[in-house]
């Protein structure tokens, strides 16, 4: 009389573990890229908002701040990016920059993602995913605007 056993064999269990391992190797980097794209859009949003505040400052003061120094509007704050702004000389121009902060899931070094905007609304990406680039737009996903 044969006895019927129930359950999984060791081979079946090892195959399932291998399949899960392969899927996780593929899915984890894609998930990290997805999360990074969400963080990057925060920089775009805050830079656009900062541009609007600088234009309001310009309307009130007829300049963007101290010539060759700091811009007049208060810089935005973010968990993922540091912001800086320099007024031109004379203070009729400015360049605002957002650089990623190390340890926030946006590369291995500070500034691995760097975006800029100026008074003409010229947007630029100078660093993306740790690589130096020269794009006249804000990159989010790849190297296309």
N, C-alpha and C. Protein backbone atom coordinates (compact mmCIF):
# COMPACT_ATOMS: atom_id res chain seq x y z
N UNK A 1 0.83 -1.16 0.00
CA UNK A 1 0.00 0.00 0.00
C UNK A 1 0.89 1.25 0.00
N UNK A 2 0.67 2.17 -1.00
CA UNK A 2 1.47 3.39 -1.10
C UNK A 2 0.84 4.49 -0.26
N UNK A 3 1.73 5.19 0.34
CA UNK A 3 1.30 6.31 1.15
C UNK A 3 1.45 7.60 0.34
N UNK A 4 0.44 8.42 0.30
CA UNK A 4 0.49 9.66 -0.45
C UNK A 4 0.99 10.77 0.49
N UNK A 5 2.08 11.44 0.06
CA UNK A 5 2.59 12.53 0.89
C UNK A 5 2.09 13.87 0.36
N UNK A 6 1.96 14.79 1.25
CA UNK A 6 1.53 16.12 0.86
C UNK A 6 2.65 17.11 1.21
N UNK A 7 2.63 18.26 0.53
CA UNK A 7 3.65 19.27 0.77
C UNK A 7 4.54 19.45 -0.45
N UNK A 8 5.59 20.22 -0.27
CA UNK A 8 6.50 20.54 -1.35
C UNK A 8 7.80 19.79 -1.17
N UNK A 9 8.42 19.46 -2.27
CA UNK A 9 9.75 18.85 -2.19
C UNK A 9 10.78 19.97 -2.09
N UNK A 10 11.98 19.62 -1.72
CA UNK A 10 13.05 20.60 -1.60
C UNK A 10 13.36 21.23 -2.96
N UNK A 11 13.32 20.47 -4.01
CA UNK A 11 13.59 20.98 -5.37
C UNK A 11 12.54 22.02 -5.75
N UNK A 12 11.28 21.74 -5.50
CA UNK A 12 10.22 22.71 -5.82
C UNK A 12 10.42 24.01 -5.03
N UNK A 13 10.77 23.89 -3.79
CA UNK A 13 11.00 25.06 -2.96
C UNK A 13 12.20 25.88 -3.47
N UNK A 14 13.26 25.22 -3.88
CA UNK A 14 14.45 25.90 -4.41
C UNK A 14 14.14 26.62 -5.72
N UNK A 15 13.30 26.03 -6.55
CA UNK A 15 12.91 26.67 -7.81
C UNK A 15 12.12 27.94 -7.53
N UNK A 16 11.21 27.91 -6.57
CA UNK A 16 10.43 29.10 -6.21
C UNK A 16 11.35 30.19 -5.68
N UNK A 17 12.30 29.83 -4.83
CA UNK A 17 13.24 30.81 -4.28
C UNK A 17 14.08 31.42 -5.41
N UNK A 18 14.51 30.62 -6.35
CA UNK A 18 15.31 31.13 -7.48
C UNK A 18 14.49 32.09 -8.35
N UNK A 19 13.24 31.76 -8.62
CA UNK A 19 12.38 32.63 -9.42
C UNK A 19 12.15 33.96 -8.70
N UNK A 20 11.90 33.91 -7.41
CA UNK A 20 11.71 35.14 -6.64
C UNK A 20 12.99 35.97 -6.64
N UNK A 21 14.13 35.33 -6.53
CA UNK A 21 15.41 36.04 -6.57
C UNK A 21 15.64 36.73 -7.90
N UNK A 22 15.34 36.06 -8.99
CA UNK A 22 15.51 36.65 -10.32
C UNK A 22 14.57 37.84 -10.50
N UNK A 23 13.33 37.68 -10.09
CA UNK A 23 12.37 38.79 -10.21
C UNK A 23 12.78 39.99 -9.38
N UNK A 24 13.31 39.76 -8.19
CA UNK A 24 13.72 40.88 -7.34
C UNK A 24 14.94 41.60 -7.91
N UNK A 25 15.84 40.88 -8.55
CA UNK A 25 17.01 41.51 -9.18
C UNK A 25 16.56 42.43 -10.31
N UNK A 26 15.51 42.08 -10.99
CA UNK A 26 14.99 42.91 -12.08
C UNK A 26 14.14 44.05 -11.52
N UNK A 27 13.31 43.78 -10.56
CA UNK A 27 12.35 44.77 -10.06
C UNK A 27 12.96 45.83 -9.16
N UNK A 28 13.95 45.52 -8.36
CA UNK A 28 14.49 46.47 -7.39
C UNK A 28 15.09 47.72 -8.05
N UNK A 29 15.94 47.59 -9.06
CA UNK A 29 16.45 48.80 -9.72
C UNK A 29 15.35 49.63 -10.38
N UNK A 30 14.37 48.97 -10.97
CA UNK A 30 13.26 49.69 -11.59
C UNK A 30 12.47 50.45 -10.53
N UNK A 31 12.27 49.86 -9.38
CA UNK A 31 11.57 50.52 -8.29
C UNK A 31 12.37 51.73 -7.80
N UNK A 32 13.69 51.57 -7.64
CA UNK A 32 14.52 52.70 -7.20
C UNK A 32 14.47 53.85 -8.19
N UNK A 33 14.48 53.56 -9.49
CA UNK A 33 14.37 54.61 -10.50
C UNK A 33 13.01 55.31 -10.41
N UNK A 34 11.98 54.56 -10.16
CA UNK A 34 10.64 55.11 -10.03
C UNK A 34 10.57 56.07 -8.83
N UNK A 35 11.14 55.68 -7.72
CA UNK A 35 11.14 56.52 -6.52
C UNK A 35 11.98 57.79 -6.77
N UNK A 36 13.12 57.64 -7.43
CA UNK A 36 13.98 58.80 -7.72
C UNK A 36 13.25 59.80 -8.62
N UNK A 37 12.49 59.32 -9.59
CA UNK A 37 11.74 60.24 -10.47
C UNK A 37 10.75 61.07 -9.67
N UNK A 38 10.15 60.48 -8.66
CA UNK A 38 9.23 61.22 -7.81
C UNK A 38 9.94 62.30 -7.00
N UNK A 39 11.15 62.02 -6.55
CA UNK A 39 11.91 63.00 -5.78
C UNK A 39 12.41 64.13 -6.68
N UNK A 40 12.78 63.81 -7.90
CA UNK A 40 13.30 64.81 -8.84
C UNK A 40 12.24 65.85 -9.18
N UNK A 41 11.01 65.43 -9.31
CA UNK A 41 9.95 66.38 -9.66
C UNK A 41 9.75 67.42 -8.56
N UNK A 42 10.14 67.09 -7.33
CA UNK A 42 10.07 68.08 -6.25
C UNK A 42 11.00 69.25 -6.54
N UNK A 43 12.19 68.96 -7.03
CA UNK A 43 13.14 70.04 -7.38
C UNK A 43 12.57 70.91 -8.48
N UNK A 44 11.96 70.30 -9.47
CA UNK A 44 11.37 71.07 -10.57
C UNK A 44 10.27 71.98 -10.05
N UNK A 45 9.42 71.46 -9.21
CA UNK A 45 8.32 72.23 -8.66
C UNK A 45 8.82 73.39 -7.81
N UNK A 46 9.79 73.12 -6.94
CA UNK A 46 10.30 74.17 -6.07
C UNK A 46 11.08 75.23 -6.84
N UNK A 47 11.81 74.84 -7.88
CA UNK A 47 12.50 75.83 -8.70
C UNK A 47 11.51 76.72 -9.45
N UNK A 48 10.45 76.14 -9.95
CA UNK A 48 9.42 76.92 -10.65
C UNK A 48 8.75 77.90 -9.69
N UNK A 49 8.45 77.42 -8.49
CA UNK A 49 7.85 78.30 -7.48
C UNK A 49 8.82 79.41 -7.09
N UNK A 50 10.09 79.07 -6.95
CA UNK A 50 11.11 80.06 -6.60
C UNK A 50 11.23 81.12 -7.70
N UNK A 51 11.14 80.69 -8.94
CA UNK A 51 11.17 81.64 -10.06
C UNK A 51 10.04 82.65 -9.94
N UNK A 52 8.85 82.19 -9.60
CA UNK A 52 7.71 83.09 -9.45
C UNK A 52 7.94 84.07 -8.31
N UNK A 53 8.51 83.60 -7.20
CA UNK A 53 8.79 84.50 -6.08
C UNK A 53 9.87 85.52 -6.41
N UNK A 54 10.85 85.11 -7.21
CA UNK A 54 11.88 86.06 -7.65
C UNK A 54 11.30 87.12 -8.57
N UNK A 55 10.36 86.73 -9.41
CA UNK A 55 9.71 87.72 -10.28
C UNK A 55 8.89 88.71 -9.47
N UNK A 56 8.24 88.22 -8.41
CA UNK A 56 7.51 89.13 -7.52
C UNK A 56 8.48 90.08 -6.83
N UNK A 57 9.62 89.56 -6.40
CA UNK A 57 10.64 90.39 -5.77
C UNK A 57 11.13 91.45 -6.76
N UNK A 58 11.33 91.05 -8.00
CA UNK A 58 11.79 91.99 -9.03
C UNK A 58 10.77 93.10 -9.25
N UNK A 59 9.50 92.76 -9.26
CA UNK A 59 8.46 93.77 -9.45
C UNK A 59 8.47 94.81 -8.32
N UNK A 60 8.79 94.38 -7.13
CA UNK A 60 8.82 95.29 -5.98
C UNK A 60 10.11 96.10 -5.90
N UNK A 61 11.24 95.51 -6.32
CA UNK A 61 12.55 96.12 -6.08
C UNK A 61 13.33 96.50 -7.34
N UNK A 62 12.85 96.11 -8.48
CA UNK A 62 13.53 96.36 -9.76
C UNK A 62 14.92 95.75 -9.85
N UNK A 63 15.14 94.67 -9.10
CA UNK A 63 16.35 93.86 -9.20
C UNK A 63 16.05 92.50 -8.60
N UNK A 64 16.98 91.55 -8.81
CA UNK A 64 16.79 90.20 -8.28
C UNK A 64 17.51 89.97 -6.96
N UNK A 65 18.22 90.98 -6.47
CA UNK A 65 18.95 90.83 -5.21
C UNK A 65 20.19 91.68 -5.23
N UNK A 66 21.20 91.29 -4.47
CA UNK A 66 22.46 92.00 -4.40
C UNK A 66 23.29 91.66 -5.63
N UNK A 67 23.77 92.69 -6.33
CA UNK A 67 24.56 92.47 -7.55
C UNK A 67 25.76 91.57 -7.26
N UNK A 68 25.84 90.46 -7.99
CA UNK A 68 26.93 89.51 -7.80
C UNK A 68 26.83 88.71 -6.52
N UNK A 69 25.71 88.83 -5.81
CA UNK A 69 25.54 88.13 -4.54
C UNK A 69 24.27 87.31 -4.50
N UNK A 70 23.66 87.31 -3.34
CA UNK A 70 22.48 86.48 -3.11
C UNK A 70 21.24 87.08 -3.77
N UNK A 71 20.33 86.22 -4.11
CA UNK A 71 19.04 86.65 -4.66
C UNK A 71 18.16 87.15 -3.52
N UNK A 72 17.16 87.95 -3.87
CA UNK A 72 16.33 88.60 -2.87
C UNK A 72 15.30 87.72 -2.21
N UNK A 73 14.77 86.75 -2.90
CA UNK A 73 13.72 85.89 -2.34
C UNK A 73 14.34 84.78 -1.50
N UNK A 74 13.61 84.36 -0.49
CA UNK A 74 14.07 83.27 0.38
C UNK A 74 14.12 81.96 -0.39
N UNK A 75 15.24 81.24 -0.25
CA UNK A 75 15.42 79.97 -0.96
C UNK A 75 14.47 78.90 -0.42
N UNK A 76 13.99 78.03 -1.29
CA UNK A 76 13.14 76.91 -0.82
C UNK A 76 13.97 75.89 -0.05
N UNK A 77 13.29 75.09 0.74
CA UNK A 77 13.95 74.00 1.46
C UNK A 77 13.32 72.68 1.05
N UNK A 78 14.13 71.65 1.08
CA UNK A 78 13.67 70.33 0.66
C UNK A 78 14.47 69.26 1.38
N UNK A 79 13.89 68.10 1.53
CA UNK A 79 14.58 66.96 2.12
C UNK A 79 15.60 66.37 1.15
N UNK A 80 15.36 66.54 -0.15
CA UNK A 80 16.16 65.87 -1.15
C UNK A 80 17.13 66.77 -1.91
N UNK A 81 16.94 68.10 -1.85
CA UNK A 81 17.75 69.03 -2.63
C UNK A 81 18.18 70.22 -1.79
N UNK A 82 19.34 70.79 -2.14
CA UNK A 82 19.76 72.08 -1.61
C UNK A 82 19.63 73.09 -2.74
N UNK A 83 19.24 74.29 -2.40
CA UNK A 83 19.00 75.32 -3.40
C UNK A 83 19.96 76.48 -3.19
N UNK A 84 20.37 77.09 -4.30
CA UNK A 84 21.21 78.27 -4.24
C UNK A 84 20.78 79.20 -5.37
N UNK A 85 21.09 80.48 -5.19
CA UNK A 85 20.75 81.47 -6.21
C UNK A 85 21.76 82.59 -6.16
N UNK A 86 22.22 83.00 -7.32
CA UNK A 86 23.16 84.09 -7.42
C UNK A 86 22.60 85.13 -8.38
N UNK A 87 22.55 86.38 -7.91
CA UNK A 87 22.12 87.47 -8.77
C UNK A 87 23.30 87.89 -9.64
N UNK A 88 22.99 88.34 -10.85
CA UNK A 88 24.04 88.78 -11.75
C UNK A 88 24.57 90.14 -11.35
N UNK A 89 25.51 90.63 -12.13
CA UNK A 89 26.06 91.96 -11.89
C UNK A 89 25.92 92.76 -13.17
N UNK A 90 25.02 93.67 -13.29
CA UNK A 90 24.09 94.16 -12.27
C UNK A 90 23.01 93.12 -11.97
N UNK A 91 22.23 93.39 -10.96
CA UNK A 91 21.26 92.42 -10.45
C UNK A 91 20.00 92.34 -11.31
N UNK A 92 20.17 92.33 -12.61
CA UNK A 92 19.05 92.20 -13.53
C UNK A 92 18.92 90.77 -14.06
N UNK A 93 19.79 89.90 -13.60
CA UNK A 93 19.75 88.49 -13.99
C UNK A 93 19.95 87.64 -12.72
N UNK A 94 19.66 86.36 -12.83
CA UNK A 94 19.93 85.44 -11.74
C UNK A 94 20.06 84.03 -12.29
N UNK A 95 20.64 83.16 -11.50
CA UNK A 95 20.72 81.74 -11.80
C UNK A 95 20.42 80.98 -10.51
N UNK A 96 19.35 80.21 -10.51
CA UNK A 96 18.97 79.41 -9.35
C UNK A 96 19.29 77.95 -9.64
N UNK A 97 19.80 77.25 -8.64
CA UNK A 97 20.26 75.88 -8.81
C UNK A 97 19.69 74.98 -7.72
N UNK A 98 19.34 73.76 -8.10
CA UNK A 98 18.94 72.71 -7.15
C UNK A 98 19.90 71.54 -7.32
N UNK A 99 20.53 71.11 -6.21
CA UNK A 99 21.45 69.98 -6.25
C UNK A 99 20.99 68.93 -5.24
N UNK A 100 21.02 67.67 -5.68
CA UNK A 100 20.58 66.59 -4.79
C UNK A 100 21.49 66.46 -3.59
N UNK A 101 20.91 66.00 -2.49
CA UNK A 101 21.63 65.79 -1.24
C UNK A 101 22.04 64.32 -1.17
N UNK A 102 23.23 64.07 -0.70
CA UNK A 102 23.72 62.69 -0.57
C UNK A 102 22.91 61.95 0.51
N UNK A 103 22.69 60.67 0.28
CA UNK A 103 22.01 59.83 1.26
C UNK A 103 20.49 59.91 1.21
N UNK A 104 19.93 60.50 0.15
CA UNK A 104 18.47 60.61 0.05
C UNK A 104 17.92 59.79 -1.13
N UNK A 105 18.70 58.83 -1.61
CA UNK A 105 18.24 57.98 -2.70
C UNK A 105 18.36 58.61 -4.07
N UNK A 106 19.21 59.64 -4.18
CA UNK A 106 19.42 60.30 -5.46
C UNK A 106 20.90 60.31 -5.81
N UNK A 107 21.48 59.15 -5.91
CA UNK A 107 22.89 59.04 -6.28
C UNK A 107 23.79 58.85 -5.08
N UNK A 108 25.08 58.67 -5.37
CA UNK A 108 26.07 58.38 -4.34
C UNK A 108 26.86 59.60 -3.89
N UNK A 109 26.64 60.72 -4.55
CA UNK A 109 27.37 61.94 -4.20
C UNK A 109 26.42 63.13 -4.22
N UNK A 110 26.75 64.15 -3.47
CA UNK A 110 25.95 65.37 -3.48
C UNK A 110 26.00 65.97 -4.88
N UNK A 111 24.86 66.42 -5.36
CA UNK A 111 24.81 67.05 -6.67
C UNK A 111 24.74 66.07 -7.83
N UNK A 112 24.42 64.80 -7.58
CA UNK A 112 24.29 63.83 -8.68
C UNK A 112 23.12 64.18 -9.59
N UNK A 113 22.20 64.98 -9.10
CA UNK A 113 21.13 65.54 -9.92
C UNK A 113 21.22 67.06 -9.73
N UNK A 114 21.46 67.80 -10.80
CA UNK A 114 21.60 69.26 -10.71
C UNK A 114 20.76 69.93 -11.78
N UNK A 115 19.89 70.83 -11.34
CA UNK A 115 18.99 71.55 -12.24
C UNK A 115 19.14 73.05 -12.02
N UNK A 116 18.95 73.83 -13.08
CA UNK A 116 19.04 75.29 -12.98
C UNK A 116 17.89 75.95 -13.72
N UNK A 117 17.66 77.22 -13.36
CA UNK A 117 16.69 78.06 -14.05
C UNK A 117 17.20 79.49 -13.94
N UNK A 118 16.87 80.33 -14.92
CA UNK A 118 17.27 81.73 -14.85
C UNK A 118 16.09 82.64 -15.15
N UNK A 119 16.36 83.94 -15.24
CA UNK A 119 15.29 84.94 -15.39
C UNK A 119 14.55 84.82 -16.72
N UNK A 120 15.13 84.17 -17.71
CA UNK A 120 14.44 83.99 -18.99
C UNK A 120 13.65 82.68 -19.02
N UNK A 121 13.57 82.01 -17.88
CA UNK A 121 12.93 80.69 -17.74
C UNK A 121 13.67 79.60 -18.49
N UNK A 122 14.94 79.82 -18.75
CA UNK A 122 15.77 78.80 -19.40
C UNK A 122 16.09 77.72 -18.37
N UNK A 123 15.56 76.53 -18.61
CA UNK A 123 15.78 75.40 -17.70
C UNK A 123 16.94 74.58 -18.23
N UNK A 124 17.73 74.02 -17.32
CA UNK A 124 18.87 73.20 -17.75
C UNK A 124 19.13 72.09 -16.73
N UNK A 125 19.62 70.97 -17.24
CA UNK A 125 20.10 69.88 -16.41
C UNK A 125 21.59 69.77 -16.68
N UNK A 126 22.41 69.90 -15.62
CA UNK A 126 23.85 69.81 -15.80
C UNK A 126 24.42 68.50 -15.27
N UNK A 127 23.67 67.81 -14.42
CA UNK A 127 24.09 66.50 -13.93
C UNK A 127 22.85 65.65 -13.72
N UNK A 128 22.88 64.41 -14.21
CA UNK A 128 21.73 63.52 -14.10
C UNK A 128 22.22 62.11 -13.83
N UNK A 129 21.76 61.51 -12.74
CA UNK A 129 22.17 60.17 -12.31
C UNK A 129 23.69 60.07 -12.20
N UNK A 130 24.32 61.16 -11.73
CA UNK A 130 25.76 61.14 -11.51
C UNK A 130 26.61 61.46 -12.73
N UNK A 131 26.01 61.56 -13.90
CA UNK A 131 26.76 61.84 -15.13
C UNK A 131 26.56 63.29 -15.55
N UNK A 132 27.61 63.92 -16.01
CA UNK A 132 27.52 65.28 -16.49
C UNK A 132 26.78 65.30 -17.82
N UNK A 133 25.79 66.15 -17.93
CA UNK A 133 25.01 66.28 -19.16
C UNK A 133 24.86 67.76 -19.46
N UNK A 134 24.41 68.06 -20.64
CA UNK A 134 24.15 69.44 -21.03
C UNK A 134 22.84 69.47 -21.79
N UNK A 135 21.75 69.57 -21.05
CA UNK A 135 20.41 69.57 -21.65
C UNK A 135 19.71 70.87 -21.31
N UNK A 136 18.99 71.41 -22.27
CA UNK A 136 18.24 72.64 -22.07
C UNK A 136 16.81 72.36 -21.62
N UNK A 137 16.68 71.44 -20.69
CA UNK A 137 15.40 71.07 -20.10
C UNK A 137 15.70 70.38 -18.78
N UNK A 138 14.66 70.07 -18.04
CA UNK A 138 14.83 69.31 -16.80
C UNK A 138 14.54 67.85 -17.09
N UNK A 139 15.57 67.01 -16.96
CA UNK A 139 15.40 65.59 -17.19
C UNK A 139 14.74 64.94 -15.99
N UNK A 140 13.91 63.94 -16.26
CA UNK A 140 13.24 63.20 -15.21
C UNK A 140 13.55 61.71 -15.32
N UNK A 141 13.36 61.16 -16.51
CA UNK A 141 13.41 59.72 -16.68
C UNK A 141 14.67 59.27 -17.42
N UNK A 142 14.99 59.88 -18.49
CA UNK A 142 16.13 59.46 -19.29
C UNK A 142 16.86 60.66 -19.83
N UNK A 143 17.48 60.51 -20.98
CA UNK A 143 18.24 61.62 -21.53
C UNK A 143 17.48 62.38 -22.60
N UNK A 144 16.16 62.22 -22.62
CA UNK A 144 15.34 62.95 -23.58
C UNK A 144 14.46 63.96 -22.86
N UNK A 145 14.31 65.12 -23.50
CA UNK A 145 13.48 66.18 -22.92
C UNK A 145 12.03 65.99 -23.25
